[in-house]
Amino acid sequence: MEQTGCAVVGGGPAGMMLGLLLARAGVEVTVLEKHGDFLRDFRGDTVHASTIRLIDELGLGDAFRRLPQSRLNSVAFPIPGAGMVTIGDFASLKPPYNYIAMMPQWDFLNFLATEAAREPSFTLLMEHEATSLMFDGGRVAGARYRTRAGTEGELHADLVVATDGRHSVLRRAAGLQPKEYPVPFDTWWFKLPRHASEKGAVAGIVPAFRDREAMIALFRDDYYQMGYLAPKEDSARIRSEGVDRFRERVAALRPDLADRVDAIRSLDDLHWLDVRLDRLRRWYVDGLLCIGDAAHAMSPVGGVGINLAIQDAVAAADRLAPALLGGRVTAEDLAAVQWRRRMPTVIVQTVQRIMHRVVFVPLFAGRTPGPPPALLFVLRHVPRMRGLLPRLIAFGPRPEHAPGFARRHQPRGTHGNH
């Protein structure tokens, strides 16, 4: 019989960070990841200052900064008639946490997996897809899985943590139903080549707007990761219009990239994301805890989903490691994790819902988008708010610190010299 202390289902940022932290506490932890590697496009790439600080506290700052990355030093928004309005200038924050790192998520996940593998109590099982839960007297007692080869198995655990994303199999198996909030758009992700003359140490998320559509561009080493945003009800029409019409839309939004839209060979080159914004009323049942997107699916607005999920993992590890080492995790322990992380989740989702109403609903209705004039005035003329917003973006509400059991020594001050 396969047995572990904590079965973590899903090898995304929350799952890998939780696995690393619990293993450093000495908990036997097994992460089940359904894919064979982390090399999947069109995932979030922002590593916020709160996460960078956490990595430093874990003694991994130097290794993290050696990974290929670029720095996002500010967040600006194009407002018709007002130009680019900066809503977050991270230079006002105290170094070395005065930027957001931009790196491919697969590099970040490989980094976490490598560090976790150094811990003797950590196991990562790739190509193991969780299919259902096991119960013992009403309590979750483990997870069933299927390998890519078709072999089925059971992993018994003192606790199962679902980090398997917005379409979580485990939360559905536990009967946990999220409350959903309306989202006015979906995102179509695709790649465009980035010429050698355009390369350099540039980080950013470049938005463009037209009538009833928008697009963002994220920089990669040799390509742009593009996200085309359109009203949810337009998905069928976009498919029916075909690839030539889609190329025209891209060229109209970004004329500077019109010379390479033929790289979109067919609609098969597009990755459609059904954008959701939801939150479980209850994140747990006895023996099972949901965190990250499994507990609260986030809108891509602000790019905060990864970091909110990682903060969930830190809070969960801090509370649950002693209970797991003691041999019994109670429902009260799981409720305590939800209590600590619910408020930050509500705040971030509320801000995202406001951004949906203020920017995207008017845009997709054919009206000029943009924040209210009073907000523009505050952003430009109220120094306290100009200092508060960058910190909220970079750290979020209630950022977590590494538990004492997970910290490792790093030469003092080295991480500030990068």
Protein backbone atom coordinates (compact mmCIF):
# COMPACT_ATOMS: atom_id res chain seq x y z
CA MET A 1 0.00 0.00 0.00
CA GLU A 2 1.35 3.40 -1.02
CA GLN A 3 1.33 5.78 1.94
CA THR A 4 2.45 9.38 2.50
CA GLY A 5 1.93 12.06 5.09
CA CYS A 6 0.57 14.68 2.67
CA ALA A 7 -0.52 14.05 -0.90
CA VAL A 8 -0.33 17.25 -2.95
CA VAL A 9 -2.26 16.97 -6.20
CA GLY A 10 -0.98 19.33 -8.88
CA GLY A 11 2.59 20.44 -9.60
CA GLY A 12 1.91 24.12 -10.20
CA PRO A 13 3.37 26.97 -8.12
CA ALA A 14 1.19 26.28 -5.06
CA GLY A 15 1.77 22.54 -5.16
CA MET A 16 5.53 22.71 -5.65
CA MET A 17 6.00 25.39 -3.00
CA LEU A 18 3.86 23.48 -0.51
CA GLY A 19 5.82 20.30 -1.22
CA LEU A 20 9.13 22.07 -0.65
CA LEU A 21 8.02 23.70 2.60
CA LEU A 22 6.48 20.56 4.10
CA ALA A 23 9.52 18.49 3.15
CA ARG A 24 11.77 20.98 4.90
CA ALA A 25 9.70 20.41 8.02
CA GLY A 26 10.36 16.68 7.72
CA VAL A 27 6.84 15.77 6.56
CA GLU A 28 6.59 12.88 4.12
CA VAL A 29 5.06 14.64 1.13
CA THR A 30 4.23 13.31 -2.34
CA VAL A 31 3.30 15.59 -5.25
CA LEU A 32 1.24 14.06 -8.07
CA GLU A 33 1.61 15.87 -11.41
CA LYS A 34 -0.30 14.60 -14.43
CA HIS A 35 2.12 15.91 -17.07
CA GLY A 36 5.57 14.57 -17.87
CA ASP A 37 7.27 17.95 -17.54
CA PHE A 38 6.50 21.61 -16.80
CA LEU A 39 7.01 22.82 -20.38
CA ARG A 40 3.60 24.26 -21.14
CA ASP A 41 3.03 27.64 -22.75
CA PHE A 42 0.60 30.34 -21.79
CA ARG A 43 0.95 30.21 -18.04
CA GLY A 44 1.46 33.18 -15.78
CA ASP A 45 5.02 34.44 -15.56
CA THR A 46 5.06 37.12 -12.88
CA VAL A 47 6.96 36.43 -9.67
CA HIS A 48 6.01 39.26 -7.34
CA ALA A 49 8.14 40.86 -4.65
CA SER A 50 6.36 38.92 -1.90
CA THR A 51 7.46 35.65 -3.50
CA ILE A 52 11.01 36.89 -4.14
CA ARG A 53 11.29 37.81 -0.46
CA LEU A 54 10.00 34.36 0.47
CA ILE A 55 12.63 32.75 -1.73
CA ASP A 56 15.32 34.79 0.01
CA GLU A 57 14.00 33.64 3.39
CA LEU A 58 14.32 30.05 2.16
CA GLY A 59 18.00 30.70 1.39
CA LEU A 60 17.44 30.30 -2.36
CA GLY A 61 17.73 33.91 -3.49
CA ASP A 62 21.08 33.62 -5.25
CA ALA A 63 20.03 30.52 -7.18
CA PHE A 64 16.72 32.15 -8.11
CA ARG A 65 18.42 35.27 -9.46
CA ARG A 66 20.65 33.16 -11.69
CA LEU A 67 17.57 31.93 -13.57
CA PRO A 68 16.82 33.70 -16.88
CA GLN A 69 14.53 36.58 -16.04
CA SER A 70 13.85 40.22 -16.59
CA ARG A 71 12.50 42.89 -14.29
CA LEU A 72 9.21 44.73 -14.41
CA ASN A 73 9.84 48.07 -12.72
CA SER A 74 6.44 49.66 -13.11
CA VAL A 75 2.87 49.01 -14.23
CA ALA A 76 1.30 51.55 -16.56
CA PHE A 77 -2.06 51.68 -18.26
CA PRO A 78 -2.89 53.46 -21.55
CA ILE A 79 -5.81 55.85 -21.08
CA PRO A 80 -7.32 57.53 -24.14
CA GLY A 81 -6.57 61.23 -23.94
CA ALA A 82 -4.29 60.79 -20.94
CA GLY A 83 -1.44 58.69 -22.35
CA MET A 84 0.25 56.04 -20.23
CA VAL A 85 -0.82 56.35 -16.60
CA THR A 86 1.52 54.66 -14.11
CA ILE A 87 -0.40 52.89 -11.36
CA GLY A 88 2.59 51.17 -9.78
CA ASP A 89 6.18 52.46 -9.76
CA PHE A 90 8.15 49.83 -7.88
CA ALA A 91 11.23 52.07 -7.63
CA SER A 92 9.53 53.60 -4.58
CA LEU A 93 9.82 50.28 -2.73
CA LYS A 94 12.79 49.32 -0.59
CA PRO A 95 15.44 47.28 -2.46
CA PRO A 96 15.93 44.46 -3.21
CA TYR A 97 12.16 43.97 -3.45
CA ASN A 98 11.45 46.87 -5.78
CA TYR A 99 10.53 44.94 -8.92
CA ILE A 100 8.49 42.03 -10.26
CA ALA A 101 10.47 39.23 -11.91
CA MET A 102 9.31 37.99 -15.30
CA MET A 103 10.32 34.43 -16.15
CA PRO A 104 8.78 31.42 -17.89
CA GLN A 105 6.77 29.48 -15.34
CA TRP A 106 8.42 26.21 -16.36
CA ASP A 107 11.80 27.58 -15.23
CA PHE A 108 10.33 28.58 -11.89
CA LEU A 109 8.67 25.18 -11.37
CA ASN A 110 11.82 23.28 -12.32
CA PHE A 111 13.69 25.43 -9.82
CA LEU A 112 11.26 24.56 -7.02
CA ALA A 113 11.27 20.88 -7.98
CA THR A 114 15.07 20.76 -7.93
CA GLU A 115 15.26 22.35 -4.50
CA ALA A 116 12.49 20.15 -3.09
CA ALA A 117 14.24 17.03 -4.38
CA ARG A 118 17.13 17.79 -2.03
CA GLU A 119 14.84 16.95 0.89
CA PRO A 120 14.73 13.23 1.73
CA SER A 121 11.02 13.26 2.59
CA PHE A 122 9.94 14.76 -0.78
CA THR A 123 8.65 12.69 -3.71
CA LEU A 124 7.50 14.04 -7.09
CA LEU A 125 5.54 11.62 -9.28
CA MET A 126 5.23 12.93 -12.83
CA GLU A 127 2.63 11.50 -15.22
CA HIS A 128 0.40 10.63 -12.27
CA GLU A 129 -3.08 12.08 -12.74
CA ALA A 130 -5.37 12.11 -9.72
CA THR A 131 -8.78 10.79 -10.69
CA SER A 132 -10.78 10.61 -7.46
CA LEU A 133 -10.67 10.66 -3.69
CA MET A 134 -10.66 7.78 -1.23
CA PHE A 135 -12.72 7.97 1.95
CA ASP A 136 -12.54 6.24 5.30
CA GLY A 137 -15.58 6.75 7.49
CA GLY A 138 -16.46 10.08 5.91
CA ARG A 139 -12.90 11.42 6.02
CA VAL A 140 -10.72 11.80 2.92
CA ALA A 141 -8.00 9.18 3.22
CA GLY A 142 -6.07 9.60 -0.02
CA ALA A 143 -6.32 9.90 -3.79
CA ARG A 144 -6.64 7.48 -6.66
CA TYR A 145 -4.48 8.11 -9.69
CA ARG A 146 -3.76 6.90 -13.20
CA THR A 147 -0.37 6.99 -14.90
CA ARG A 148 0.17 7.85 -18.54
CA ALA A 149 0.77 4.15 -19.19
CA GLY A 150 -2.73 3.44 -17.88
CA THR A 151 -1.72 1.93 -14.54
CA GLU A 152 -4.11 2.78 -11.72
CA GLY A 153 -3.12 3.13 -8.11
CA GLU A 154 -4.05 4.49 -4.71
CA LEU A 155 -2.04 6.85 -2.53
CA HIS A 156 -3.13 6.84 1.10
CA ALA A 157 -2.39 10.05 3.01
CA ASP A 158 -3.02 11.74 6.32
CA LEU A 159 -3.99 14.82 4.31
CA VAL A 160 -4.74 15.55 0.66
CA VAL A 161 -4.18 19.08 -0.65
CA ALA A 162 -5.79 19.98 -3.97
CA THR A 163 -3.66 22.34 -6.02
CA ASP A 164 -5.02 21.07 -9.33
CA GLY A 165 -6.30 24.36 -10.66
CA ARG A 166 -9.55 26.00 -11.62
CA HIS A 167 -10.96 22.78 -13.05
CA SER A 168 -10.03 20.83 -9.92
CA VAL A 169 -11.03 17.19 -10.08
CA LEU A 170 -10.65 16.81 -6.33
CA ARG A 171 -12.82 19.70 -5.24
CA ARG A 172 -15.56 18.34 -7.46
CA ALA A 173 -15.08 14.85 -6.02
CA ALA A 174 -15.44 16.34 -2.52
CA GLY A 175 -18.68 18.10 -3.48
CA LEU A 176 -17.24 21.59 -2.99
CA GLN A 177 -19.02 24.15 -5.17
CA PRO A 178 -17.55 27.59 -5.91
CA LYS A 179 -19.44 30.84 -6.10
CA GLU A 180 -18.89 32.27 -9.56
CA TYR A 181 -18.60 35.93 -10.53
CA PRO A 182 -19.24 37.27 -14.02
CA VAL A 183 -16.21 37.84 -16.26
CA PRO A 184 -16.72 39.88 -19.45
CA PHE A 185 -13.93 38.37 -21.56
CA ASP A 186 -11.96 35.30 -22.58
CA THR A 187 -8.31 35.25 -23.64
CA TRP A 188 -6.78 33.75 -26.75
CA TRP A 189 -3.06 33.08 -26.26
CA PHE A 190 -0.59 32.71 -29.13
CA LYS A 191 3.04 33.40 -30.09
CA LEU A 192 4.64 35.87 -32.47
CA PRO A 193 8.35 35.88 -33.35
CA ARG A 194 10.64 38.40 -31.69
CA HIS A 195 13.43 39.56 -34.00
CA ALA A 196 17.04 39.73 -32.85
CA SER A 197 17.01 43.52 -33.15
CA GLU A 198 14.14 43.69 -30.64
CA LYS A 199 15.82 41.64 -27.95
CA GLY A 200 17.32 43.00 -24.80
CA ALA A 201 16.79 43.24 -21.08
CA VAL A 202 13.24 44.47 -21.46
CA ALA A 203 10.41 43.38 -19.22
CA GLY A 204 6.87 44.45 -19.53
CA ILE A 205 3.27 43.73 -20.26
CA VAL A 206 2.31 45.92 -23.18
CA PRO A 207 -1.46 46.46 -23.62
CA ALA A 208 -3.30 47.71 -26.70
CA PHE A 209 -6.98 48.64 -27.04
CA ARG A 210 -9.47 49.08 -29.87
CA ASP A 211 -13.24 49.03 -30.12
CA ARG A 212 -14.53 45.89 -28.33
CA GLU A 213 -11.13 44.18 -28.18
CA ALA A 214 -7.77 44.34 -26.45
CA MET A 215 -4.42 42.61 -26.55
CA ILE A 216 -1.39 42.24 -24.31
CA ALA A 217 2.18 41.24 -25.16
CA LEU A 218 4.64 39.58 -22.80
CA PHE A 219 8.32 39.47 -23.70
CA ARG A 220 10.15 36.16 -24.18
CA ASP A 221 13.72 35.56 -25.30
CA ASP A 222 12.84 34.88 -28.92
CA TYR A 223 9.09 35.46 -29.14
CA TYR A 224 6.21 37.48 -27.79
CA GLN A 225 3.50 35.74 -25.81
CA MET A 226 0.35 37.46 -26.99
CA GLY A 227 -3.04 37.49 -25.34
CA TYR A 228 -6.07 38.60 -27.37
CA LEU A 229 -9.01 39.60 -25.15
CA ALA A 230 -12.53 39.53 -26.54
CA PRO A 231 -16.06 39.36 -25.12
CA LYS A 232 -17.07 35.89 -23.98
CA GLU A 233 -19.95 35.82 -26.42
CA ASP A 234 -17.52 36.33 -29.34
CA SER A 235 -15.74 32.99 -29.01
CA ALA A 236 -17.86 31.16 -31.59
CA ARG A 237 -17.65 34.09 -34.02
CA ILE A 238 -13.85 34.25 -33.76
CA ARG A 239 -13.64 30.57 -34.63
CA SER A 240 -16.09 30.87 -37.52
CA GLU A 241 -14.27 33.87 -39.06
CA GLY A 242 -11.06 31.89 -39.48
CA VAL A 243 -7.37 32.60 -39.18
CA ASP A 244 -7.11 35.36 -41.80
CA ARG A 245 -9.59 37.54 -39.95
CA PHE A 246 -7.81 36.86 -36.67
CA ARG A 247 -4.51 37.98 -38.21
CA GLU A 248 -6.22 41.20 -39.30
CA ARG A 249 -7.38 41.84 -35.75
CA VAL A 250 -3.88 41.37 -34.39
CA ALA A 251 -2.34 43.64 -37.03
CA ALA A 252 -4.91 46.36 -36.31
CA LEU A 253 -4.20 46.28 -32.59
CA ARG A 254 -0.41 46.10 -33.00
CA PRO A 255 0.62 47.53 -36.39
CA ASP A 256 4.26 47.22 -35.34
CA LEU A 257 3.85 43.44 -35.29
CA ALA A 258 1.83 43.18 -38.52
CA ASP A 259 4.88 41.92 -40.41
CA ARG A 260 4.81 38.58 -38.56
CA VAL A 261 1.15 37.64 -38.14
CA ASP A 262 1.63 34.85 -40.71
CA ALA A 263 3.29 32.95 -37.86
CA ILE A 264 -0.30 32.23 -36.79
CA ARG A 265 -0.68 29.36 -39.25
CA SER A 266 -4.17 28.28 -38.19
CA LEU A 267 -6.61 28.60 -35.34
CA ASP A 268 -4.91 25.54 -33.87
CA ASP A 269 -2.06 27.89 -32.92
CA LEU A 270 -4.43 29.70 -30.54
CA HIS A 271 -4.90 28.56 -26.95
CA TRP A 272 -8.34 29.59 -25.71
CA LEU A 273 -8.64 30.36 -22.01
CA ASP A 274 -12.13 30.37 -20.54
CA VAL A 275 -11.49 33.10 -17.97
CA ARG A 276 -13.19 32.45 -14.65
CA LEU A 277 -13.43 34.23 -11.35
CA ASP A 278 -14.79 32.10 -8.52
CA ARG A 279 -14.25 31.23 -4.88
CA LEU A 280 -15.17 28.28 -2.72
CA ARG A 281 -17.38 29.12 0.23
CA ARG A 282 -15.59 26.37 2.11
CA TRP A 283 -12.08 25.32 1.09
CA TYR A 284 -11.99 21.98 2.87
CA VAL A 285 -13.65 18.80 4.03
CA ASP A 286 -12.19 16.52 6.67
CA GLY A 287 -8.90 15.26 5.23
CA LEU A 288 -8.86 17.54 2.15
CA LEU A 289 -7.83 21.19 1.67
CA CYS A 290 -8.07 23.23 -1.54
CA ILE A 291 -5.68 26.13 -2.14
CA GLY A 292 -4.65 28.28 -5.09
CA ASP A 293 -6.90 28.18 -8.14
CA ALA A 294 -8.59 25.06 -6.78
CA ALA A 295 -10.00 27.28 -4.02
CA HIS A 296 -10.29 30.56 -5.92
CA ALA A 297 -9.90 30.94 -9.69
CA MET A 298 -8.48 34.36 -10.52
CA SER A 299 -8.87 36.65 -13.49
CA PRO A 300 -5.61 37.33 -15.38
CA VAL A 301 -6.04 41.02 -14.52
CA GLY A 302 -2.98 42.04 -12.52
CA GLY A 303 -1.18 38.74 -13.02
CA VAL A 304 -1.51 37.94 -9.32
CA GLY A 305 -2.80 34.37 -9.43
CA ILE A 306 0.60 32.67 -9.03
CA ASN A 307 1.61 34.75 -6.08
CA LEU A 308 -1.70 34.47 -4.28
CA ALA A 309 -1.48 30.68 -4.68
CA ILE A 310 2.07 30.64 -3.29
CA GLN A 311 0.99 32.70 -0.27
CA ASP A 312 -1.76 30.09 0.30
CA ALA A 313 0.90 27.38 0.26
CA VAL A 314 3.05 29.17 2.82
CA ALA A 315 0.13 29.69 5.22
CA ALA A 316 -0.92 26.06 4.77
CA ALA A 317 2.57 24.73 5.46
CA ASP A 318 3.00 26.90 8.53
CA ARG A 319 -0.23 25.67 10.10
CA LEU A 320 -0.28 22.06 8.89
CA ALA A 321 3.33 20.88 9.21
CA PRO A 322 3.16 20.50 13.02
CA ALA A 323 -0.18 18.72 12.76
CA LEU A 324 1.12 16.36 10.08
CA LEU A 325 4.23 15.59 12.13
CA GLY A 326 1.92 14.91 15.07
CA GLY A 327 -0.05 12.42 13.02
CA ARG A 328 -3.45 14.13 12.94
CA VAL A 329 -4.76 17.06 10.94
CA THR A 330 -8.15 18.25 12.16
CA ALA A 331 -10.89 20.12 10.35
CA GLU A 332 -10.07 23.03 12.66
CA ASP A 333 -6.53 23.14 11.21
CA LEU A 334 -7.94 23.31 7.69
CA ALA A 335 -10.45 25.98 8.68
CA ALA A 336 -7.60 28.05 10.13
CA VAL A 337 -5.83 28.06 6.75
CA GLN A 338 -8.99 29.25 5.01
CA TRP A 339 -9.56 31.90 7.65
CA ARG A 340 -6.07 33.31 7.17
CA ARG A 341 -6.15 33.35 3.36
CA ARG A 342 -9.77 34.25 2.70
CA MET A 343 -9.39 37.98 3.34
CA PRO A 344 -6.50 38.48 0.86
CA THR A 345 -8.43 36.47 -1.72
CA VAL A 346 -11.58 38.56 -1.29
CA ILE A 347 -9.60 41.81 -1.57
CA VAL A 348 -7.79 40.78 -4.75
CA GLN A 349 -10.91 39.40 -6.40
CA THR A 350 -12.85 42.56 -5.49
CA VAL A 351 -10.19 44.69 -7.16
CA GLN A 352 -10.33 42.45 -10.24
CA ARG A 353 -14.12 42.75 -10.39
CA ILE A 354 -13.82 46.53 -10.21
CA MET A 355 -11.27 46.50 -13.04
CA HIS A 356 -13.65 44.35 -15.08
CA ARG A 357 -16.45 46.87 -14.60
CA VAL A 358 -14.36 50.02 -15.07
CA VAL A 359 -12.16 48.93 -17.98
CA PHE A 360 -13.41 45.85 -19.80
CA VAL A 361 -17.21 46.15 -19.65
CA PRO A 362 -17.11 49.65 -21.24
CA LEU A 363 -14.46 48.52 -23.74
CA PHE A 364 -16.47 45.54 -24.96
CA ALA A 365 -19.61 47.68 -25.08
CA GLY A 366 -17.86 50.03 -27.52
CA ARG A 367 -17.35 52.81 -24.98
CA THR A 368 -14.06 54.44 -24.06
CA PRO A 369 -12.51 52.51 -21.17
CA GLY A 370 -10.60 54.00 -18.33
CA PRO A 371 -10.65 54.74 -14.63
CA PRO A 372 -12.82 57.53 -13.24
CA PRO A 373 -11.24 61.03 -13.40
CA ALA A 374 -11.09 61.15 -9.61
CA LEU A 375 -8.90 58.04 -9.57
CA LEU A 376 -6.58 59.54 -12.18
CA PHE A 377 -6.24 62.65 -10.02
CA VAL A 378 -5.40 60.55 -6.95
CA LEU A 379 -2.82 58.49 -8.84
CA ARG A 380 -1.08 61.60 -10.10
CA HIS A 381 -1.33 63.99 -7.17
CA VAL A 382 -1.68 62.10 -3.89
CA PRO A 383 1.80 60.96 -2.80
CA ARG A 384 0.55 58.50 -0.18
CA MET A 385 -1.56 56.65 -2.74
CA ARG A 386 1.30 56.62 -5.23
CA GLY A 387 3.34 54.83 -2.59
CA LEU A 388 0.58 52.47 -1.47
CA LEU A 389 -0.43 51.07 -4.85
CA PRO A 390 3.03 49.77 -5.82
CA ARG A 391 3.26 47.94 -2.49
CA LEU A 392 -0.21 46.42 -2.91
CA ILE A 393 0.69 45.21 -6.40
CA ALA A 394 4.15 43.90 -5.46
CA PHE A 395 3.26 42.29 -2.13
CA GLY A 396 -0.51 41.96 -2.07
CA PRO A 397 -2.64 41.96 1.06
CA ARG A 398 -1.24 39.89 3.95
CA PRO A 399 1.98 38.56 2.37
CA GLU A 400 3.33 35.51 4.15
CA HIS A 401 6.83 34.85 5.49
CA ALA A 402 8.68 31.55 5.37
CA PRO A 403 8.05 29.40 8.46
CA GLY A 404 11.06 29.02 10.73
CA PHE A 405 11.39 25.30 9.96
CA ALA A 406 11.79 26.03 6.23
CA ARG A 407 14.45 28.73 6.41
CA ARG A 408 18.01 28.10 5.35
CA HIS A 409 21.09 30.27 5.75
CA GLN A 410 22.19 32.55 2.93
CA PRO A 411 25.19 34.89 3.23
CA ARG A 412 23.81 38.11 4.55
CA GLY A 413 23.27 40.84 2.02
CA THR A 414 24.17 38.82 -1.07
CA HIS A 415 20.67 38.98 -2.50
CA GLY A 416 20.74 42.77 -2.46
CA ASN A 417 23.66 42.97 -4.85
CA HIS A 418 21.86 41.74 -7.95
